[in-house]
Structure formats: C-alpha cells, structure tokens
Amino acid sequence: MTTQCGSRAQCEVDFHTAICVCPPSLQGNPLVACIEVGCKGNNECATNEICDYIPGSDFTRKECRPLCNPGICAFGADCTARDHRETCACRHPLIGDGYVSCSERKCSKSQIVEKFDSFALHVSILFTAVISEEPECRIDADCPTQLTCIRETCQNPCLVQNPCVGSQTCVVKDIGTSLRSVACECPEGLLYGDNGECIKCKILKSIITVLDTMKTLISIPNKGTP
C-alpha cells in the first residue's frame, strides 16, 4: 500500500499504518503541503492578537491575527482585546449584550421620581449657595450701631484703620440710623495741640500757678501787725 504525502511532509508508520506528518518547524496539512511556521499558539502573539489560520490557506498555515475586527460587536458597543480574547460591551448609558444589541435604558416610575427628587435637591443646594453669597452689608445702615460697612463686612473702623494720633481716642458715632462718623477725641482735661496731639492747656496751668502763689502769700503772717 502506497501513501502519497503532501509537499515537504514526511511519511511515518504508526501501528503498521502509514501516516503523513509535517516535520518540526513546519506546519500545515501533511496531505497537501507543509510550510514555514507563522505561530503555534497564542503565547507567541501579542495580548491583543490570536494565533489562527490564514483565510484561503486551507487550514495549512497559522499566523498572529489582530482581534476586535470591524463587525465583531453590536452597534453601540466597543470591543476590548486582552489576553488573546475580545470582549464587547455597550457604551454608557446603553445597556444590553455587546455582541447582540445595545439599547437605551428605560426608566421606571420610581426611577423618574428619584431623578426628579435628585434634581430638586440640586436646585435647592444651588439656591442656598446663591443666597449664602449675599454680602453681610452694602451700606452702613445694614450694620449694628457703631459699626461701618467696609468691603461688604460690618467692622469697627477704629480697629481697621485708626486715624487718631498720640493720646487721642478713636470714637465711632452714629449719625441718625444710616450713617457713621469717626472722631478723634482728647481725654478729659486735655486740648488739641497744633499738630493734633493732646496737650494740657497752658492758660489753665498759669491760673493754677497764680492761685497757688496767692494762697502762699495769704498764709504768711504780717510781722508789722501787733
């Protein structure tokens, strides 16, 4: 009995039967032809490829072929190749089988109510935030007594920028209910000097000196008097 093997194939005997095999480093159909090896397994290919037969080679030659070819996944799905396998998943917010079909999610009545409540809460938070952005004051009348509106905040002007000098005391005075004024006052018994400082009155000091002198003279006894 004669066995005709393909090109570059070898004939071997197995249990008294002749068989055709491709020698090492070659692959293909030994009854047709043995050709150079493209790949033997997936481990010889990149993770996004697969070792498979080349179309038209009559299953005689394998090569590393890319996965995720066009048309693999359903419309609206994306293909991901990893570990020599391809996976089709529907794009968000579509749902379904990525290999068959993807469709929009239909909301139930409870989901619609939940979304409405979420929207209402969002509007409430936004409205609260807008209200909270309102300044503390715009004019002096918006502030408590003896406080002025400085940079939209009620503050004591004497603490923010004291215009007084020396021993002067800064005082905030209310003018009606809508205005405030800042004054620099000297302590009791002192008067304003030429440079604005608080000084003792020279005239008053002279009068006190004269009175003290007169008091001393009155207290001295007259030696010519019996």
Protein backbone atom coordinates (compact mmCIF):
# COMPACT_ATOMS: atom_id res chain seq x y z
CA MET A 1 0.00 0.00 0.00
CA THR A 2 1.41 3.39 -1.02
CA THR A 3 0.69 6.61 0.86
CA GLN A 4 1.15 9.86 -1.01
CA CYS A 5 2.09 12.75 1.35
CA GLY A 6 1.98 16.43 0.58
CA SER A 7 4.86 18.69 -0.25
CA ARG A 8 7.65 18.63 2.39
CA ALA A 9 5.63 16.18 4.51
CA GLN A 10 7.07 13.00 5.95
CA CYS A 11 5.59 9.53 5.96
CA GLU A 12 5.72 7.67 9.26
CA VAL A 13 4.43 4.32 10.44
CA ASP A 14 2.08 4.14 13.38
CA PHE A 15 0.79 0.68 14.41
CA HIS A 16 1.52 -0.75 10.97
CA THR A 17 -0.25 2.19 9.33
CA ALA A 18 1.41 4.84 7.19
CA ILE A 19 0.64 8.41 8.19
CA CYS A 20 1.78 11.78 6.88
CA VAL A 21 3.14 14.37 9.28
CA CYS A 22 4.78 17.74 8.96
CA PRO A 23 8.31 17.82 10.30
CA PRO A 24 9.28 20.11 13.20
CA SER A 25 9.33 23.87 12.37
CA LEU A 26 6.79 23.27 9.60
CA GLN A 27 3.02 23.26 9.76
CA GLY A 28 0.03 22.67 7.55
CA ASN A 29 -1.94 19.78 6.10
CA PRO A 30 0.60 16.97 5.59
CA LEU A 31 -1.56 15.51 2.82
CA VAL A 32 -1.34 18.80 0.92
CA ALA A 33 1.77 20.72 1.93
CA CYS A 34 3.92 21.64 4.93
CA ILE A 35 5.04 25.25 5.13
CA GLU A 36 7.04 27.52 7.43
CA VAL A 37 5.58 28.10 10.86
CA GLY A 38 3.92 31.50 11.46
CA CYS A 39 2.86 30.74 15.05
CA LYS A 40 1.96 27.66 17.01
CA GLY A 41 -0.01 29.14 19.88
CA ASN A 42 -1.40 32.37 21.34
CA ASN A 43 1.57 32.73 23.66
CA GLU A 44 3.68 33.60 20.60
CA CYS A 45 1.41 36.56 19.77
CA ALA A 46 0.68 39.92 21.38
CA THR A 47 -2.07 40.01 24.02
CA ASN A 48 -4.46 41.69 21.55
CA GLU A 49 -3.82 39.02 18.88
CA ILE A 50 -4.67 35.37 18.36
CA CYS A 51 -2.80 32.58 16.58
CA ASP A 52 -5.21 31.43 13.86
CA TYR A 53 -5.30 30.00 10.37
CA ILE A 54 -4.89 32.40 7.47
CA PRO A 55 -8.03 32.64 5.29
CA GLY A 56 -7.51 30.82 1.99
CA SER A 57 -4.65 28.67 3.29
CA ASP A 58 -6.86 25.56 3.52
CA PHE A 59 -6.01 25.44 7.22
CA THR A 60 -2.36 24.86 6.46
CA ARG A 61 -0.77 27.98 7.98
CA LYS A 62 -1.27 29.91 11.24
CA GLU A 63 -0.26 33.50 11.92
CA CYS A 64 -0.83 36.08 14.64
CA ARG A 65 -4.03 37.90 13.70
CA PRO A 66 -5.43 41.04 15.42
CA LEU A 67 -8.63 40.80 17.44
CA CYS A 68 -11.55 43.30 17.51
CA ASN A 69 -12.04 43.40 13.77
CA PRO A 70 -14.94 45.53 12.40
CA GLY A 71 -18.34 43.93 12.76
CA ILE A 72 -17.44 41.84 15.79
CA CYS A 73 -19.58 43.84 18.24
CA ALA A 74 -23.16 45.08 18.06
CA PHE A 75 -23.98 48.69 17.13
CA GLY A 76 -23.30 50.97 20.09
CA ALA A 77 -20.75 48.60 21.65
CA ASP A 78 -16.96 48.83 21.95
CA CYS A 79 -14.51 45.96 21.59
CA THR A 80 -11.63 45.41 24.00
CA ALA A 81 -8.87 42.86 23.31
CA ARG A 82 -6.95 41.43 26.26
CA ASP A 83 -5.22 38.12 26.98
CA HIS A 84 -5.93 36.91 23.41
CA ARG A 85 -9.67 37.37 23.93
CA GLU A 86 -12.07 40.03 22.67
CA THR A 87 -14.90 41.49 24.77
CA CYS A 88 -17.83 43.59 23.54
CA ALA A 89 -19.52 45.96 25.99
CA CYS A 90 -22.30 48.51 25.42
CA ARG A 91 -21.30 52.15 25.72
CA HIS A 92 -22.71 54.07 28.71
CA PRO A 93 -25.61 54.73 29.17
CA LEU A 94 -26.71 51.98 26.75
CA ILE A 95 -27.43 48.51 28.12
CA GLY A 96 -27.63 45.03 26.63
CA ASP A 97 -25.42 42.29 25.19
CA GLY A 98 -22.49 43.91 23.43
CA TYR A 99 -22.33 41.01 20.97
CA VAL A 100 -26.04 41.17 20.07
CA SER A 101 -27.63 44.61 20.62
CA CYS A 102 -27.41 47.73 22.78
CA SER A 103 -30.40 49.91 23.69
CA GLU A 104 -31.30 52.88 25.88
CA ARG A 105 -32.27 52.23 29.46
CA LYS A 106 -36.00 52.64 30.11
CA CYS A 107 -36.75 54.42 33.37
CA SER A 108 -39.42 53.04 35.67
CA LYS A 109 -41.85 55.30 37.52
CA SER A 110 -39.82 55.03 40.71
CA GLN A 111 -36.61 55.94 38.84
CA ILE A 112 -38.30 59.01 37.34
CA VAL A 113 -39.42 60.13 40.80
CA GLU A 114 -35.93 59.51 42.15
CA LYS A 115 -34.36 61.60 39.37
CA PHE A 116 -36.85 64.40 39.96
CA ASP A 117 -36.09 64.40 43.70
CA SER A 118 -32.37 64.48 42.92
CA PHE A 119 -32.88 67.42 40.56
CA ALA A 120 -34.99 69.27 43.15
CA LEU A 121 -32.28 68.71 45.77
CA HIS A 122 -29.64 70.02 43.39
CA VAL A 123 -31.69 73.16 42.69
CA SER A 124 -32.23 73.67 46.44
CA ILE A 125 -28.49 73.40 47.15
CA LEU A 126 -27.71 75.78 44.28
CA PHE A 127 -30.32 78.28 45.53
CA THR A 128 -28.89 78.09 49.06
CA ALA A 129 -25.40 78.68 47.71
CA VAL A 130 -26.58 81.77 45.82
CA ILE A 131 -28.22 83.15 48.96
CA SER A 132 -25.13 82.47 51.03
CA GLU A 133 -23.08 84.55 48.60
CA GLU A 134 -25.02 87.70 49.54
CA PRO A 135 -22.66 90.15 51.34
CA GLU A 136 -23.11 90.95 55.02
CA CYS A 137 -23.69 94.61 54.21
CA ARG A 138 -23.73 97.12 51.40
CA ILE A 139 -24.18 100.39 53.37
CA ASP A 140 -23.62 101.47 57.00
CA ALA A 141 -27.35 101.14 57.72
CA ASP A 142 -27.03 97.36 57.25
CA CYS A 143 -24.67 97.14 60.25
CA PRO A 144 -25.26 97.37 64.02
CA THR A 145 -24.64 100.65 65.81
CA GLN A 146 -21.04 101.99 65.82
CA LEU A 147 -20.02 99.62 63.02
CA THR A 148 -19.48 100.64 59.38
CA CYS A 149 -19.73 98.65 56.14
CA ILE A 150 -16.15 98.07 54.96
CA ARG A 151 -15.62 95.76 51.98
CA GLU A 152 -19.16 94.35 52.43
CA THR A 153 -18.42 93.39 56.04
CA CYS A 154 -19.56 95.15 59.24
CA GLN A 155 -16.40 96.29 61.03
CA ASN A 156 -15.17 98.80 63.60
CA PRO A 157 -13.33 101.48 61.56
CA CYS A 158 -11.16 102.39 64.54
CA LEU A 159 -9.75 98.84 64.51
CA VAL A 160 -9.40 98.60 60.74
CA GLN A 161 -7.63 101.94 60.20
CA ASN A 162 -7.25 104.21 63.22
CA PRO A 163 -6.86 107.84 62.03
CA CYS A 164 -6.00 109.19 65.50
CA VAL A 165 -2.53 110.06 66.78
CA GLY A 166 -0.81 110.23 70.12
CA SER A 167 -3.13 110.03 73.10
CA GLN A 168 -6.25 110.69 71.03
CA THR A 169 -9.09 108.22 71.36
CA CYS A 170 -10.90 106.96 68.23
CA VAL A 171 -14.68 107.09 68.64
CA VAL A 172 -17.40 105.89 66.22
CA LYS A 173 -20.55 107.99 66.37
CA ASP A 174 -23.95 107.26 64.86
CA ILE A 175 -25.46 109.94 62.63
CA GLY A 176 -29.10 109.04 62.58
CA THR A 177 -29.73 105.41 61.67
CA SER A 178 -27.95 105.20 58.33
CA LEU A 179 -24.57 106.91 58.71
CA ARG A 180 -21.49 106.61 60.92
CA SER A 181 -18.69 109.09 61.62
CA VAL A 182 -15.24 108.62 63.11
CA ALA A 183 -13.86 111.23 65.56
CA CYS A 184 -10.59 111.60 67.44
CA GLU A 185 -11.14 112.92 70.95
CA CYS A 186 -8.66 114.00 73.64
CA PRO A 187 -9.03 112.71 77.21
CA GLU A 188 -10.77 114.99 79.71
CA GLY A 189 -8.58 117.89 80.79
CA LEU A 190 -6.53 117.92 77.56
CA LEU A 191 -6.86 120.05 74.44
CA TYR A 192 -5.78 119.65 70.82
CA GLY A 193 -2.32 120.96 70.06
CA ASP A 194 -1.01 122.47 66.81
CA ASN A 195 -0.04 119.02 65.47
CA GLY A 196 -3.24 117.33 66.62
CA GLU A 197 -1.74 115.83 69.75
CA CYS A 198 -3.48 116.18 73.10
CA ILE A 199 -1.77 118.67 75.44
CA LYS A 200 -2.52 120.41 78.73
CA CYS A 201 -3.97 123.92 78.46
CA LYS A 202 -1.19 126.48 79.18
CA ILE A 203 -3.65 129.19 80.34
CA LEU A 204 -5.24 126.84 82.83
CA LYS A 205 -1.79 125.90 84.11
CA SER A 206 -0.91 129.59 84.58
CA ILE A 207 -4.12 130.28 86.52
CA ILE A 208 -3.40 127.35 88.82
CA THR A 209 0.14 128.69 89.39
CA VAL A 210 -1.20 132.21 90.30
CA LEU A 211 -3.77 130.74 92.69
CA ASP A 212 -1.12 128.67 94.41
CA THR A 213 1.09 131.76 94.78
CA MET A 214 -1.76 133.84 96.25
CA LYS A 215 -2.57 131.06 98.67
CA THR A 216 1.03 131.02 99.84
CA LEU A 217 1.15 134.79 100.34
CA ILE A 218 -2.07 134.82 102.35
CA SER A 219 -0.74 132.14 104.67
CA ILE A 220 2.49 134.19 105.54
CA PRO A 221 1.92 136.28 108.82
CA ASN A 222 2.49 140.07 108.67
CA LYS A 223 5.37 140.95 111.04
CA GLY A 224 4.30 144.66 111.46
CA THR A 225 0.94 143.72 112.86
CA PRO A 226 0.69 143.62 116.75
